[in-house]
Protein backbone atom coordinates (compact mmCIF):
# COMPACT_ATOMS: atom_id res chain seq x y z
CA MET A 1 -4.25 38.63 -26.08
CA ASP A 2 -7.09 37.39 -24.30
CA PHE A 3 -8.60 33.90 -25.79
CA GLY A 4 -12.12 34.62 -24.17
CA LEU A 5 -11.67 31.37 -22.44
CA ARG A 6 -11.80 32.10 -18.93
CA GLY A 7 -14.67 29.97 -17.16
CA ARG A 8 -14.34 27.33 -19.42
CA SER A 9 -13.58 23.69 -18.89
CA ALA A 10 -11.40 21.31 -20.69
CA ILE A 11 -10.28 17.74 -20.42
CA VAL A 12 -6.41 17.14 -21.32
CA CYS A 13 -5.26 13.78 -22.05
CA ALA A 14 -1.75 12.30 -21.40
CA ALA A 15 -1.34 15.67 -19.44
CA SER A 16 1.16 14.71 -16.62
CA LYS A 17 4.40 15.83 -18.79
CA GLY A 18 5.46 16.70 -22.53
CA LEU A 19 2.98 18.05 -25.06
CA GLY A 20 -0.11 17.34 -22.96
CA ARG A 21 1.10 19.14 -19.59
CA ALA A 22 2.21 22.15 -21.99
CA CYS A 23 -1.38 22.42 -23.47
CA ALA A 24 -2.60 22.15 -19.93
CA MET A 25 -0.75 24.64 -18.53
CA ALA A 26 -1.41 27.03 -21.32
CA LEU A 27 -5.15 26.51 -20.64
CA ALA A 28 -5.12 27.09 -17.48
CA HIS A 29 -3.11 30.29 -18.11
CA GLU A 30 -6.47 31.38 -20.04
CA GLY A 31 -8.49 30.51 -16.80
CA VAL A 32 -9.84 27.14 -17.73
CA ALA A 33 -10.39 24.43 -15.40
CA LEU A 34 -8.85 21.11 -16.09
CA VAL A 35 -9.30 17.51 -15.93
CA ILE A 36 -6.07 15.85 -16.48
CA ASN A 37 -5.71 12.39 -17.12
CA ALA A 38 -2.74 10.38 -17.27
CA ARG A 39 -1.70 6.88 -16.16
CA THR A 40 0.71 7.20 -13.42
CA SER A 41 -0.88 8.64 -10.41
CA GLU A 42 2.11 10.32 -8.72
CA THR A 43 3.48 12.00 -11.81
CA LEU A 44 -0.24 13.38 -12.46
CA GLU A 45 -0.80 14.91 -9.04
CA ARG A 46 2.61 16.63 -9.08
CA THR A 47 1.61 18.13 -12.44
CA ALA A 48 -1.74 19.03 -11.32
CA GLU A 49 -0.21 20.73 -8.04
CA GLU A 50 2.30 22.60 -10.50
CA ILE A 51 -0.54 23.91 -12.46
CA ARG A 52 -2.70 24.94 -9.37
CA ALA A 53 0.06 26.57 -8.09
CA ALA A 54 1.00 28.39 -11.29
CA THR A 55 -2.45 29.74 -12.37
CA GLY A 56 -5.00 29.42 -9.68
CA VAL A 57 -7.37 27.52 -11.47
CA ALA A 58 -9.15 24.19 -10.45
CA VAL A 59 -7.37 20.96 -11.46
CA ARG A 60 -8.66 17.68 -11.14
CA ALA A 61 -6.60 14.48 -11.87
CA ILE A 62 -7.79 11.31 -12.96
CA ALA A 63 -5.38 8.71 -13.09
CA ALA A 64 -6.71 6.19 -15.69
CA ASP A 65 -5.63 4.69 -18.82
CA ILE A 66 -7.31 6.59 -21.45
CA THR A 67 -7.52 3.92 -24.26
CA THR A 68 -9.78 2.10 -21.76
CA SER A 69 -13.55 2.24 -22.04
CA ALA A 70 -13.61 2.23 -17.74
CA GLY A 71 -10.46 4.99 -18.14
CA ARG A 72 -12.76 6.99 -20.67
CA GLU A 73 -15.73 6.65 -18.38
CA ALA A 74 -13.76 7.79 -15.35
CA VAL A 75 -12.30 10.88 -17.20
CA LEU A 76 -15.96 11.84 -18.35
CA ALA A 77 -17.67 11.15 -15.16
CA ALA A 78 -15.28 13.91 -13.73
CA CYS A 79 -16.16 16.52 -16.67
CA PRO A 80 -19.09 14.94 -18.59
CA ASP A 81 -19.78 18.42 -20.78
CA PRO A 82 -16.36 20.09 -21.40
CA ASP A 83 -16.08 22.77 -23.69
CA ILE A 84 -12.59 21.86 -24.65
CA LEU A 85 -11.21 18.61 -25.46
CA ILE A 86 -7.79 17.71 -25.89
CA THR A 87 -6.85 14.03 -27.00
CA ASN A 88 -3.41 12.62 -26.73
CA ALA A 89 -2.00 9.25 -26.25
CA GLY A 90 1.61 8.25 -26.02
CA GLY A 91 2.89 6.96 -29.84
CA PRO A 92 3.40 3.27 -30.59
CA PRO A 93 6.79 1.54 -30.34
CA ALA A 94 8.70 1.84 -33.60
CA GLY A 95 9.50 -1.24 -35.81
CA ASP A 96 10.12 -2.82 -39.26
CA PHE A 97 6.70 -2.76 -40.71
CA ARG A 98 7.38 -6.14 -41.81
CA THR A 99 7.15 -7.61 -38.48
CA LEU A 100 4.04 -5.91 -37.21
CA THR A 101 1.42 -8.23 -35.96
CA PRO A 102 -2.15 -7.84 -35.83
CA THR A 103 -1.90 -7.27 -31.67
CA GLN A 104 0.69 -4.31 -32.23
CA TRP A 105 -1.89 -2.82 -34.81
CA ARG A 106 -4.70 -3.07 -32.71
CA ALA A 107 -2.85 -1.47 -29.64
CA ALA A 108 -2.14 1.24 -32.02
CA LEU A 109 -5.38 1.80 -33.48
CA GLU A 110 -7.14 1.53 -30.12
CA ALA A 111 -4.69 4.57 -28.39
CA ASN A 112 -4.11 6.69 -31.57
CA MET A 113 -7.41 6.63 -33.61
CA LEU A 114 -10.18 4.75 -31.70
CA THR A 115 -9.90 6.59 -28.43
CA PRO A 116 -9.96 10.19 -29.54
CA ILE A 117 -12.91 8.96 -31.66
CA ALA A 118 -14.82 7.98 -28.61
CA LEU A 119 -14.15 10.81 -26.71
CA ILE A 120 -15.33 12.88 -29.76
CA GLN A 121 -18.23 11.13 -29.71
CA ALA A 122 -18.79 11.28 -26.19
CA VAL A 123 -19.03 15.22 -25.95
CA ILE A 124 -19.85 16.40 -29.29
CA GLY A 125 -23.69 16.54 -28.93
CA GLU A 126 -23.14 19.12 -25.88
CA MET A 127 -20.64 21.32 -27.26
CA CYS A 128 -23.12 21.47 -30.66
CA ALA A 129 -26.19 21.98 -28.22
CA ARG A 130 -24.31 25.10 -26.06
CA ARG A 131 -22.85 26.47 -29.52
CA PHE A 132 -19.35 26.06 -28.66
CA GLY A 133 -16.71 23.52 -28.35
CA ARG A 134 -13.03 23.26 -29.32
CA ILE A 135 -11.32 19.66 -29.99
CA VAL A 136 -7.71 19.41 -30.75
CA ASN A 137 -6.36 16.08 -31.49
CA ILE A 138 -2.27 15.96 -30.60
CA THR A 139 -1.08 13.25 -33.70
CA SER A 140 1.96 13.60 -35.43
CA ALA A 141 4.18 15.22 -37.64
CA SER A 142 4.47 11.83 -39.48
CA VAL A 143 0.71 12.53 -40.83
CA LYS A 144 2.54 14.59 -43.20
CA SER A 145 5.67 13.17 -43.75
CA PRO A 146 5.69 9.72 -42.75
CA ILE A 147 8.35 8.00 -40.56
CA PRO A 148 9.97 4.84 -41.89
CA SER A 149 10.29 3.29 -38.46
CA LEU A 150 6.88 4.55 -37.15
CA GLY A 151 4.52 2.35 -39.25
CA LEU A 152 2.11 1.90 -36.77
CA SER A 153 2.02 5.58 -35.69
CA ASN A 154 1.83 6.71 -39.27
CA GLY A 155 -1.28 4.28 -40.15
CA ALA A 156 -3.06 4.96 -36.69
CA ARG A 157 -2.94 8.74 -36.72
CA ALA A 158 -3.44 9.08 -40.51
CA GLY A 159 -6.79 6.98 -39.86
CA LEU A 160 -8.01 9.98 -37.15
CA THR A 161 -6.44 12.67 -39.43
CA GLY A 162 -9.36 11.20 -42.30
CA PHE A 163 -12.02 10.91 -39.42
CA VAL A 164 -11.48 14.43 -38.17
CA ALA A 165 -11.63 15.71 -42.11
CA GLY A 166 -15.15 14.49 -42.33
CA ALA A 167 -16.42 15.04 -38.59
CA ALA A 168 -15.32 18.95 -38.50
CA ARG A 169 -17.11 20.20 -41.13
CA GLN A 170 -20.39 18.60 -40.03
CA VAL A 171 -20.22 20.50 -36.68
CA ALA A 172 -18.56 23.69 -37.68
CA ARG A 173 -21.89 25.73 -37.85
CA TYR A 174 -22.45 25.05 -34.21
CA ASN A 175 -19.28 26.98 -33.52
CA VAL A 176 -17.51 23.61 -32.46
CA THR A 177 -13.88 23.18 -34.13
CA ILE A 178 -11.76 19.96 -34.50
CA ASN A 179 -8.49 20.47 -35.64
CA ASN A 180 -5.07 18.44 -35.27
CA LEU A 181 -1.54 19.42 -33.96
CA LEU A 182 1.05 17.82 -35.47
CA PRO A 183 4.29 18.07 -33.20
CA GLY A 184 7.69 17.46 -34.86
CA PRO A 185 10.70 17.54 -32.61
CA PHE A 186 10.12 18.55 -29.31
CA LEU A 187 12.24 18.61 -26.11
CA THR A 188 10.49 15.45 -24.39
CA ASP A 189 10.99 12.24 -23.01
CA ARG A 190 9.45 10.78 -25.85
CA LEU A 191 11.82 12.45 -28.32
CA ARG A 192 14.75 11.47 -26.07
CA SER A 193 13.01 7.66 -26.02
CA ASN A 194 12.72 7.71 -30.07
CA LEU A 195 16.31 8.87 -30.31
CA THR A 196 17.92 6.23 -27.94
CA GLU A 197 18.66 3.86 -30.45
CA ALA A 198 19.76 6.45 -33.00
CA ALA A 199 22.56 7.48 -30.42
CA ARG A 200 23.37 3.99 -29.75
CA ARG A 201 24.19 3.42 -33.31
CA ASN A 202 26.34 6.81 -33.39
CA ASN A 203 28.28 6.13 -30.61
CA ARG A 204 26.92 9.03 -28.75
CA ASP A 205 24.85 9.86 -26.03
CA VAL A 206 21.10 10.76 -26.07
CA GLU A 207 21.71 14.63 -25.56
CA ALA A 208 24.26 14.25 -28.40
CA GLU A 209 21.73 13.03 -30.51
CA ILE A 210 19.16 15.51 -30.20
CA ALA A 211 21.63 18.37 -30.73
CA ALA A 212 22.74 16.83 -34.17
CA ARG A 213 19.46 16.39 -35.06
CA ALA A 214 18.61 19.94 -33.81
CA ALA A 215 21.22 21.14 -35.87
CA GLU A 216 19.66 19.88 -39.37
CA ASN A 217 16.48 21.34 -38.52
CA PRO A 218 15.65 24.80 -40.59
CA ALA A 219 15.26 26.49 -37.04
CA GLY A 220 18.31 25.04 -35.80
CA ARG A 221 16.94 23.72 -32.44
CA VAL A 222 13.94 21.67 -31.32
CA GLY A 223 11.15 23.04 -29.99
CA ASP A 224 9.94 24.22 -26.37
CA PRO A 225 6.74 22.26 -25.10
CA ALA A 226 5.41 25.73 -24.04
CA GLU A 227 5.55 26.76 -28.03
CA PHE A 228 3.48 23.64 -28.61
CA GLY A 229 0.99 24.60 -25.86
CA ALA A 230 0.42 28.14 -26.86
CA ALA A 231 -0.66 26.86 -30.27
CA CYS A 232 -2.85 24.56 -28.70
CA ALA A 233 -4.74 27.44 -26.57
CA PHE A 234 -4.96 29.58 -30.01
CA LEU A 235 -6.86 26.79 -31.60
CA CYS A 236 -9.00 26.69 -28.16
CA ALA A 237 -9.73 30.35 -28.57
CA ALA A 238 -13.33 31.97 -28.46
CA SER A 239 -12.14 33.60 -31.51
CA SER A 240 -10.73 30.69 -33.66
CA GLY A 241 -14.22 29.25 -34.74
CA PHE A 242 -13.26 29.75 -38.19
CA ILE A 243 -10.44 27.25 -38.27
CA VAL A 244 -11.89 24.13 -39.30
CA GLY A 245 -10.70 20.74 -39.80
CA GLN A 246 -6.77 21.84 -39.90
CA ASN A 247 -3.52 20.11 -39.40
CA LEU A 248 -1.13 22.70 -37.86
CA LEU A 249 2.52 21.57 -38.35
CA LEU A 250 4.89 22.59 -35.76
CA ASP A 251 8.29 21.15 -36.73
CA GLY A 252 10.43 24.25 -36.93
CA GLY A 253 10.13 24.01 -41.20
CA ALA A 254 11.42 20.16 -41.32
CA PHE A 255 8.47 19.20 -43.64
CA ASN A 256 9.54 21.05 -46.94
CA ALA A 257 6.52 21.78 -49.05
CA THR A 258 4.82 25.00 -51.01
CA LEU A 259 1.78 23.79 -49.63
CA GLY A 260 0.98 22.56 -46.21
């Protein structure tokens, strides 16, 4: 299926690996020129070269901390008027909610709520003027079903979700959509990191812990990041303009509800 995106441009944040990389690769396969961002230059450049080799599209890598104003300025200077924006940032650390500090809260809000909002504010005007724009925020399944140990993520991402619910409906008439992708367990470095402590408690290695969690999922497995990238590309398609302000959960059926 042709998503009608050839010749478009996109910014993809936190794209050097994991779900961000998968989204960048999927868009590149649709003919989208990319500006990709992450903090680690070596990893990011390697990813950029892999995407170029696989798809032939133009890829520019901007190594910067997207959670800072300087980082955002660098990325936007490389692609000031993107047709597509994929926001993404590493999740904040786990911890007991009783011990979370104001400093931790400020960092979580900056990364997982305020930075996506700032990027949306920066690009939305031109998208509306051109009568085309697709914005996808990578958030978390915890927006639907909070994870007790991830209070920082639960709170910050819920704030972004509320903002998007209001903003998306104000720009939809201009063929600009804002939606959220909510990943459950996908086979990424982040999943391995999150399960390290559980593996220690259960006296098994991380791979065994992942396998145990996979067996508990209705799908009987964890997700392949390429599946997540495909869902992102679908939301960005020219034909997806009637999907507005939605929270698409990709978790293998782990969240049990009659209505999503």
